[in-house]
Amino acid sequence: MSAGMVAALAFLLLVIFIGIFLMRLVATLATLTRSADIIARSSVDILANANTLLDDVNGKVKKIDPTFQAVADLSGTVSDLNAATRKVTSRLAGSGKAVSAVTNGGLAVTVGRSVAKAVLKRNKARRNKQNTTTKK
């Protein structure tokens, strides 16, 4: 065999190996492309579901916000009641009328009045605050 024939055979083998390599490369790229498309479609579905879930959670939070506000208001009213009770108790203890006030229902009436005044005062302040914010 001549040197030209060996070179031609070597070139033919090189072309065959390069062809096999390129065919495998094309198949791998096709698989990667399909996988990327599947991942892209799945991520779009996941994002859509996440947006739906987030909207649902936001709607539910808006529904329970007034409940938390009511609990906060109740907490303030209970604090006012405790303060009024302490004040009345200290007044009665200092005047020596504590025993007669408790036995005659005077303490309950006094505490009730103090609580009612505190609640009315708090509600009036809240209404005034709401009226000034709505007028702006």
N, C-alpha and C. Protein backbone atom coordinates (compact mmCIF):
# COMPACT_ATOMS: atom_id res chain seq x y z
N MET A 1 0.82 -1.16 0.00
CA MET A 1 0.00 0.00 0.00
C MET A 1 0.87 1.23 0.00
N SER A 2 0.34 2.14 -0.67
CA SER A 2 1.14 3.36 -0.80
C SER A 2 0.80 4.33 0.31
N ALA A 3 1.60 5.33 0.43
CA ALA A 3 1.43 6.33 1.48
C ALA A 3 0.14 7.10 1.26
N GLY A 4 -0.26 7.32 0.03
CA GLY A 4 -1.50 8.03 -0.27
C GLY A 4 -2.71 7.25 0.18
N MET A 5 -2.63 5.92 0.00
CA MET A 5 -3.73 5.06 0.40
C MET A 5 -3.87 5.05 1.93
N VAL A 6 -2.77 5.04 2.65
CA VAL A 6 -2.78 5.06 4.12
C VAL A 6 -3.37 6.40 4.60
N ALA A 7 -2.97 7.48 3.96
CA ALA A 7 -3.48 8.79 4.34
C ALA A 7 -4.98 8.88 4.07
N ALA A 8 -5.42 8.34 2.92
CA ALA A 8 -6.84 8.36 2.59
C ALA A 8 -7.63 7.53 3.59
N LEU A 9 -7.12 6.38 3.98
CA LEU A 9 -7.79 5.51 4.95
C LEU A 9 -7.84 6.19 6.32
N ALA A 10 -6.77 6.85 6.73
CA ALA A 10 -6.73 7.56 8.00
C ALA A 10 -7.74 8.71 7.99
N PHE A 11 -7.80 9.41 6.84
CA PHE A 11 -8.76 10.51 6.72
C PHE A 11 -10.18 9.98 6.80
N LEU A 12 -10.47 8.85 6.15
CA LEU A 12 -11.79 8.23 6.18
C LEU A 12 -12.17 7.84 7.60
N LEU A 13 -11.25 7.23 8.34
CA LEU A 13 -11.53 6.88 9.73
C LEU A 13 -11.78 8.13 10.59
N LEU A 14 -11.02 9.17 10.34
CA LEU A 14 -11.21 10.42 11.06
C LEU A 14 -12.61 10.99 10.79
N VAL A 15 -13.03 10.97 9.55
CA VAL A 15 -14.36 11.48 9.18
C VAL A 15 -15.44 10.63 9.83
N ILE A 16 -15.26 9.30 9.85
CA ILE A 16 -16.26 8.42 10.47
C ILE A 16 -16.37 8.71 11.96
N PHE A 17 -15.23 8.82 12.67
CA PHE A 17 -15.26 9.10 14.10
C PHE A 17 -15.86 10.48 14.40
N ILE A 18 -15.51 11.45 13.59
CA ILE A 18 -16.09 12.79 13.76
C ILE A 18 -17.60 12.74 13.50
N GLY A 19 -18.03 11.98 12.51
CA GLY A 19 -19.46 11.83 12.21
C GLY A 19 -20.20 11.18 13.37
N ILE A 20 -19.63 10.11 13.95
CA ILE A 20 -20.26 9.45 15.10
C ILE A 20 -20.34 10.42 16.28
N PHE A 21 -19.24 11.13 16.50
CA PHE A 21 -19.21 12.10 17.59
C PHE A 21 -20.28 13.17 17.40
N LEU A 22 -20.41 13.70 16.19
CA LEU A 22 -21.39 14.75 15.90
C LEU A 22 -22.82 14.21 16.03
N MET A 23 -23.06 12.97 15.63
CA MET A 23 -24.40 12.39 15.77
C MET A 23 -24.78 12.25 17.24
N ARG A 24 -23.82 11.79 18.05
CA ARG A 24 -24.09 11.69 19.49
C ARG A 24 -24.30 13.07 20.11
N LEU A 25 -23.53 14.03 19.68
CA LEU A 25 -23.66 15.39 20.17
C LEU A 25 -25.04 15.96 19.83
N VAL A 26 -25.49 15.73 18.60
CA VAL A 26 -26.81 16.21 18.18
C VAL A 26 -27.89 15.54 19.02
N ALA A 27 -27.79 14.23 19.27
CA ALA A 27 -28.78 13.52 20.09
C ALA A 27 -28.79 14.06 21.52
N THR A 28 -27.61 14.33 22.07
CA THR A 28 -27.52 14.87 23.43
C THR A 28 -28.13 16.26 23.49
N LEU A 29 -27.85 17.09 22.52
CA LEU A 29 -28.43 18.44 22.48
C LEU A 29 -29.94 18.39 22.33
N ALA A 30 -30.45 17.47 21.55
CA ALA A 30 -31.90 17.32 21.40
C ALA A 30 -32.53 16.92 22.74
N THR A 31 -31.89 16.00 23.46
CA THR A 31 -32.39 15.59 24.78
C THR A 31 -32.36 16.76 25.75
N LEU A 32 -31.28 17.52 25.74
CA LEU A 32 -31.17 18.69 26.62
C LEU A 32 -32.23 19.74 26.29
N THR A 33 -32.48 19.93 25.01
CA THR A 33 -33.49 20.90 24.59
C THR A 33 -34.88 20.47 25.07
N ARG A 34 -35.20 19.19 24.90
CA ARG A 34 -36.50 18.69 25.38
C ARG A 34 -36.61 18.85 26.89
N SER A 35 -35.56 18.52 27.61
CA SER A 35 -35.58 18.65 29.07
C SER A 35 -35.75 20.10 29.49
N ALA A 36 -35.07 21.01 28.81
CA ALA A 36 -35.19 22.43 29.13
C ALA A 36 -36.61 22.93 28.87
N ASP A 37 -37.24 22.45 27.79
CA ASP A 37 -38.62 22.83 27.50
C ASP A 37 -39.56 22.32 28.59
N ILE A 38 -39.35 21.08 29.01
CA ILE A 38 -40.20 20.51 30.07
C ILE A 38 -40.04 21.29 31.37
N ILE A 39 -38.79 21.62 31.70
CA ILE A 39 -38.54 22.39 32.92
C ILE A 39 -39.17 23.77 32.83
N ALA A 40 -39.08 24.40 31.67
CA ALA A 40 -39.68 25.74 31.49
C ALA A 40 -41.19 25.68 31.66
N ARG A 41 -41.83 24.67 31.05
CA ARG A 41 -43.28 24.54 31.19
C ARG A 41 -43.67 24.27 32.64
N SER A 42 -42.92 23.42 33.31
CA SER A 42 -43.21 23.10 34.71
C SER A 42 -43.03 24.32 35.61
N SER A 43 -42.00 25.10 35.35
CA SER A 43 -41.78 26.28 36.18
C SER A 43 -42.89 27.31 35.98
N VAL A 44 -43.42 27.41 34.77
CA VAL A 44 -44.54 28.32 34.54
C VAL A 44 -45.75 27.86 35.33
N ASP A 45 -46.02 26.55 35.34
CA ASP A 45 -47.14 26.01 36.12
C ASP A 45 -46.93 26.25 37.61
N ILE A 46 -45.71 26.03 38.07
CA ILE A 46 -45.41 26.23 39.49
C ILE A 46 -45.60 27.69 39.87
N LEU A 47 -45.12 28.60 39.03
CA LEU A 47 -45.28 30.04 39.33
C LEU A 47 -46.75 30.44 39.32
N ALA A 48 -47.52 29.89 38.41
CA ALA A 48 -48.96 30.20 38.38
C ALA A 48 -49.63 29.71 39.66
N ASN A 49 -49.28 28.50 40.09
CA ASN A 49 -49.86 27.97 41.33
C ASN A 49 -49.41 28.79 42.53
N ALA A 50 -48.16 29.21 42.54
CA ALA A 50 -47.66 30.03 43.65
C ALA A 50 -48.39 31.38 43.69
N ASN A 51 -48.63 31.98 42.54
CA ASN A 51 -49.37 33.25 42.51
C ASN A 51 -50.79 33.07 43.01
N THR A 52 -51.43 31.98 42.62
CA THR A 52 -52.78 31.71 43.08
C THR A 52 -52.80 31.52 44.60
N LEU A 53 -51.85 30.76 45.10
CA LEU A 53 -51.76 30.54 46.55
C LEU A 53 -51.49 31.84 47.29
N LEU A 54 -50.61 32.66 46.76
CA LEU A 54 -50.30 33.94 47.40
C LEU A 54 -51.51 34.87 47.42
N ASP A 55 -52.26 34.90 46.33
CA ASP A 55 -53.49 35.70 46.30
C ASP A 55 -54.49 35.21 47.35
N ASP A 56 -54.61 33.89 47.47
CA ASP A 56 -55.52 33.30 48.45
C ASP A 56 -55.09 33.67 49.87
N VAL A 57 -53.81 33.57 50.15
CA VAL A 57 -53.30 33.91 51.49
C VAL A 57 -53.52 35.40 51.77
N ASN A 58 -53.26 36.26 50.80
CA ASN A 58 -53.47 37.70 50.99
C ASN A 58 -54.94 38.01 51.27
N GLY A 59 -55.84 37.33 50.56
CA GLY A 59 -57.27 37.53 50.80
C GLY A 59 -57.67 37.11 52.20
N LYS A 60 -57.13 36.00 52.66
CA LYS A 60 -57.47 35.52 54.01
C LYS A 60 -56.88 36.42 55.08
N VAL A 61 -55.69 36.96 54.84
CA VAL A 61 -55.08 37.88 55.80
C VAL A 61 -55.93 39.14 55.91
N LYS A 62 -56.45 39.62 54.78
CA LYS A 62 -57.31 40.81 54.81
C LYS A 62 -58.58 40.53 55.61
N LYS A 63 -59.08 39.29 55.54
CA LYS A 63 -60.29 38.94 56.27
C LYS A 63 -60.05 38.88 57.78
N ILE A 64 -58.87 38.45 58.19
CA ILE A 64 -58.63 38.32 59.64
C ILE A 64 -58.01 39.56 60.27
N ASP A 65 -57.61 40.55 59.47
CA ASP A 65 -57.07 41.78 60.04
C ASP A 65 -58.04 42.45 61.02
N PRO A 66 -59.33 42.57 60.69
CA PRO A 66 -60.25 43.18 61.66
C PRO A 66 -60.32 42.40 62.98
N THR A 67 -60.16 41.09 62.92
CA THR A 67 -60.19 40.28 64.13
C THR A 67 -59.02 40.65 65.04
N PHE A 68 -57.84 40.79 64.44
CA PHE A 68 -56.68 41.17 65.24
C PHE A 68 -56.84 42.59 65.79
N GLN A 69 -57.46 43.47 65.02
CA GLN A 69 -57.71 44.83 65.51
C GLN A 69 -58.68 44.79 66.68
N ALA A 70 -59.71 43.96 66.59
CA ALA A 70 -60.68 43.84 67.69
C ALA A 70 -60.00 43.28 68.94
N VAL A 71 -59.12 42.32 68.77
CA VAL A 71 -58.39 41.76 69.92
C VAL A 71 -57.51 42.83 70.55
N ALA A 72 -56.87 43.65 69.71
CA ALA A 72 -56.03 44.72 70.24
C ALA A 72 -56.88 45.73 71.01
N ASP A 73 -58.05 46.06 70.47
CA ASP A 73 -58.94 46.99 71.16
C ASP A 73 -59.42 46.41 72.49
N LEU A 74 -59.75 45.12 72.47
CA LEU A 74 -60.20 44.46 73.70
C LEU A 74 -59.08 44.46 74.73
N SER A 75 -57.87 44.24 74.29
CA SER A 75 -56.73 44.26 75.20
C SER A 75 -56.59 45.63 75.86
N GLY A 76 -56.76 46.67 75.07
CA GLY A 76 -56.70 48.02 75.62
C GLY A 76 -57.81 48.27 76.62
N THR A 77 -59.00 47.78 76.32
CA THR A 77 -60.13 47.95 77.22
C THR A 77 -59.90 47.19 78.52
N VAL A 78 -59.34 45.98 78.43
CA VAL A 78 -59.04 45.22 79.64
C VAL A 78 -57.99 45.95 80.47
N SER A 79 -57.00 46.54 79.82
CA SER A 79 -55.99 47.31 80.55
C SER A 79 -56.63 48.50 81.25
N ASP A 80 -57.55 49.18 80.56
CA ASP A 80 -58.27 50.29 81.18
C ASP A 80 -59.09 49.81 82.37
N LEU A 81 -59.73 48.65 82.24
CA LEU A 81 -60.51 48.08 83.33
C LEU A 81 -59.61 47.77 84.54
N ASN A 82 -58.45 47.19 84.27
CA ASN A 82 -57.52 46.90 85.38
C ASN A 82 -57.08 48.18 86.07
N ALA A 83 -56.77 49.19 85.28
CA ALA A 83 -56.34 50.47 85.87
C ALA A 83 -57.45 51.09 86.69
N ALA A 84 -58.68 51.06 86.15
CA ALA A 84 -59.82 51.64 86.88
C ALA A 84 -60.09 50.87 88.16
N THR A 85 -59.98 49.54 88.10
CA THR A 85 -60.21 48.73 89.29
C THR A 85 -59.17 49.03 90.37
N ARG A 86 -57.91 49.15 89.94
CA ARG A 86 -56.86 49.48 90.91
C ARG A 86 -57.12 50.85 91.55
N LYS A 87 -57.53 51.78 90.71
CA LYS A 87 -57.79 53.14 91.20
C LYS A 87 -58.92 53.16 92.22
N VAL A 88 -60.02 52.48 91.87
CA VAL A 88 -61.18 52.44 92.77
C VAL A 88 -60.82 51.70 94.06
N THR A 89 -60.11 50.60 93.92
CA THR A 89 -59.74 49.82 95.10
C THR A 89 -58.84 50.63 96.02
N SER A 90 -57.91 51.35 95.44
CA SER A 90 -57.01 52.16 96.28
C SER A 90 -57.78 53.30 96.95
N ARG A 91 -58.75 53.89 96.26
CA ARG A 91 -59.57 54.94 96.87
C ARG A 91 -60.37 54.40 98.03
N LEU A 92 -60.99 53.25 97.79
CA LEU A 92 -61.83 52.67 98.84
C LEU A 92 -60.99 52.20 100.02
N ALA A 93 -59.83 51.64 99.74
CA ALA A 93 -58.97 51.17 100.83
C ALA A 93 -58.49 52.36 101.65
N GLY A 94 -58.20 53.46 100.99
CA GLY A 94 -57.72 54.65 101.70
C GLY A 94 -58.80 55.32 102.51
N SER A 95 -60.06 55.22 102.09
CA SER A 95 -61.14 55.89 102.81
C SER A 95 -61.75 55.03 103.89
N GLY A 96 -61.39 53.76 103.97
CA GLY A 96 -61.94 52.88 104.99
C GLY A 96 -63.31 52.34 104.64
N LYS A 97 -63.79 52.59 103.44
CA LYS A 97 -65.11 52.15 103.03
C LYS A 97 -65.05 50.85 102.23
N ALA A 98 -63.93 50.22 102.16
CA ALA A 98 -63.76 49.05 101.30
C ALA A 98 -64.71 47.93 101.67
N VAL A 99 -64.85 47.65 102.93
CA VAL A 99 -65.69 46.53 103.35
C VAL A 99 -67.15 46.82 103.04
N SER A 100 -67.63 48.03 103.34
CA SER A 100 -69.04 48.34 103.08
C SER A 100 -69.31 48.45 101.59
N ALA A 101 -68.34 48.91 100.81
CA ALA A 101 -68.55 49.02 99.37
C ALA A 101 -68.65 47.65 98.73
N VAL A 102 -67.83 46.72 99.20
CA VAL A 102 -67.86 45.38 98.63
C VAL A 102 -69.14 44.67 99.02
N THR A 103 -69.56 44.80 100.26
CA THR A 103 -70.75 44.08 100.72
C THR A 103 -72.02 44.69 100.16
N ASN A 104 -72.06 45.97 99.91
CA ASN A 104 -73.28 46.62 99.42
C ASN A 104 -73.33 46.72 97.90
N GLY A 105 -72.35 46.18 97.21
CA GLY A 105 -72.35 46.25 95.75
C GLY A 105 -71.81 47.57 95.23
N GLY A 106 -71.32 48.41 96.10
CA GLY A 106 -70.80 49.71 95.69
C GLY A 106 -69.55 49.59 94.84
N LEU A 107 -68.73 48.60 95.14
CA LEU A 107 -67.51 48.41 94.35
C LEU A 107 -67.85 48.04 92.92
N ALA A 108 -68.80 47.15 92.75
CA ALA A 108 -69.19 46.73 91.40
C ALA A 108 -69.75 47.91 90.61
N VAL A 109 -70.57 48.72 91.27
CA VAL A 109 -71.15 49.89 90.60
C VAL A 109 -70.05 50.88 90.23
N THR A 110 -69.14 51.13 91.15
CA THR A 110 -68.07 52.08 90.90
C THR A 110 -67.15 51.59 89.78
N VAL A 111 -66.79 50.32 89.85
CA VAL A 111 -65.94 49.75 88.80
C VAL A 111 -66.67 49.79 87.47
N GLY A 112 -67.96 49.44 87.47
CA GLY A 112 -68.75 49.47 86.24
C GLY A 112 -68.78 50.85 85.62
N ARG A 113 -68.98 51.85 86.45
CA ARG A 113 -68.99 53.23 85.94
C ARG A 113 -67.63 53.62 85.36
N SER A 114 -66.58 53.27 86.09
CA SER A 114 -65.23 53.61 85.62
C SER A 114 -64.92 52.93 84.30
N VAL A 115 -65.31 51.67 84.19
CA VAL A 115 -65.07 50.94 82.95
C VAL A 115 -65.88 51.54 81.82
N ALA A 116 -67.14 51.84 82.09
CA ALA A 116 -67.99 52.42 81.05
C ALA A 116 -67.41 53.75 80.56
N LYS A 117 -66.94 54.57 81.50
CA LYS A 117 -66.35 55.85 81.11
C LYS A 117 -65.10 55.62 80.26
N ALA A 118 -64.26 54.67 80.67
CA ALA A 118 -63.02 54.40 79.93
C ALA A 118 -63.33 53.89 78.52
N VAL A 119 -64.31 53.00 78.41
CA VAL A 119 -64.67 52.43 77.10
C VAL A 119 -65.26 53.51 76.21
N LEU A 120 -66.16 54.34 76.76
CA LEU A 120 -66.75 55.42 75.97
C LEU A 120 -65.68 56.42 75.52
N LYS A 121 -64.78 56.74 76.42
CA LYS A 121 -63.70 57.67 76.06
C LYS A 121 -62.83 57.09 74.95
N ARG A 122 -62.50 55.80 75.06
CA ARG A 122 -61.66 55.14 74.04
C ARG A 122 -62.37 55.09 72.69
N ASN A 123 -63.65 54.73 72.70
CA ASN A 123 -64.42 54.66 71.44
C ASN A 123 -64.57 56.03 70.81
N LYS A 124 -64.77 57.06 71.63
CA LYS A 124 -64.89 58.42 71.10
C LYS A 124 -63.58 58.85 70.45
N ALA A 125 -62.47 58.54 71.09
CA ALA A 125 -61.16 58.89 70.53
C ALA A 125 -60.93 58.14 69.22
N ARG A 126 -61.33 56.88 69.16
CA ARG A 126 -61.15 56.09 67.93
C ARG A 126 -62.03 56.64 66.80
N ARG A 127 -63.28 57.01 67.15
CA ARG A 127 -64.16 57.58 66.12
C ARG A 127 -63.63 58.90 65.61
N ASN A 128 -63.11 59.72 66.50
CA ASN A 128 -62.52 61.00 66.08
C ASN A 128 -61.32 60.77 65.16
N LYS A 129 -60.52 59.78 65.52
CA LYS A 129 -59.36 59.46 64.68
C LYS A 129 -59.80 58.98 63.32
N GLN A 130 -60.83 58.10 63.26
CA GLN A 130 -61.33 57.61 61.98
C GLN A 130 -61.94 58.74 61.16
N ASN A 131 -62.66 59.62 61.80
CA ASN A 131 -63.29 60.75 61.08
C ASN A 131 -62.24 61.68 60.49
N THR A 132 -61.16 61.91 61.22
CA THR A 132 -60.12 62.79 60.68
C THR A 132 -59.37 62.14 59.54
N THR A 133 -59.21 60.81 59.59
CA THR A 133 -58.51 60.12 58.49
C THR A 133 -59.39 60.03 57.25
N THR A 134 -60.69 59.87 57.42
CA THR A 134 -61.56 59.78 56.24
C THR A 134 -61.78 61.14 55.59
N LYS A 135 -61.67 62.21 56.35
CA LYS A 135 -61.84 63.55 55.78
C LYS A 135 -60.65 63.98 54.96
N LYS A 136 -59.48 63.39 55.22
CA LYS A 136 -58.27 63.80 54.50
C LYS A 136 -58.23 63.25 53.15
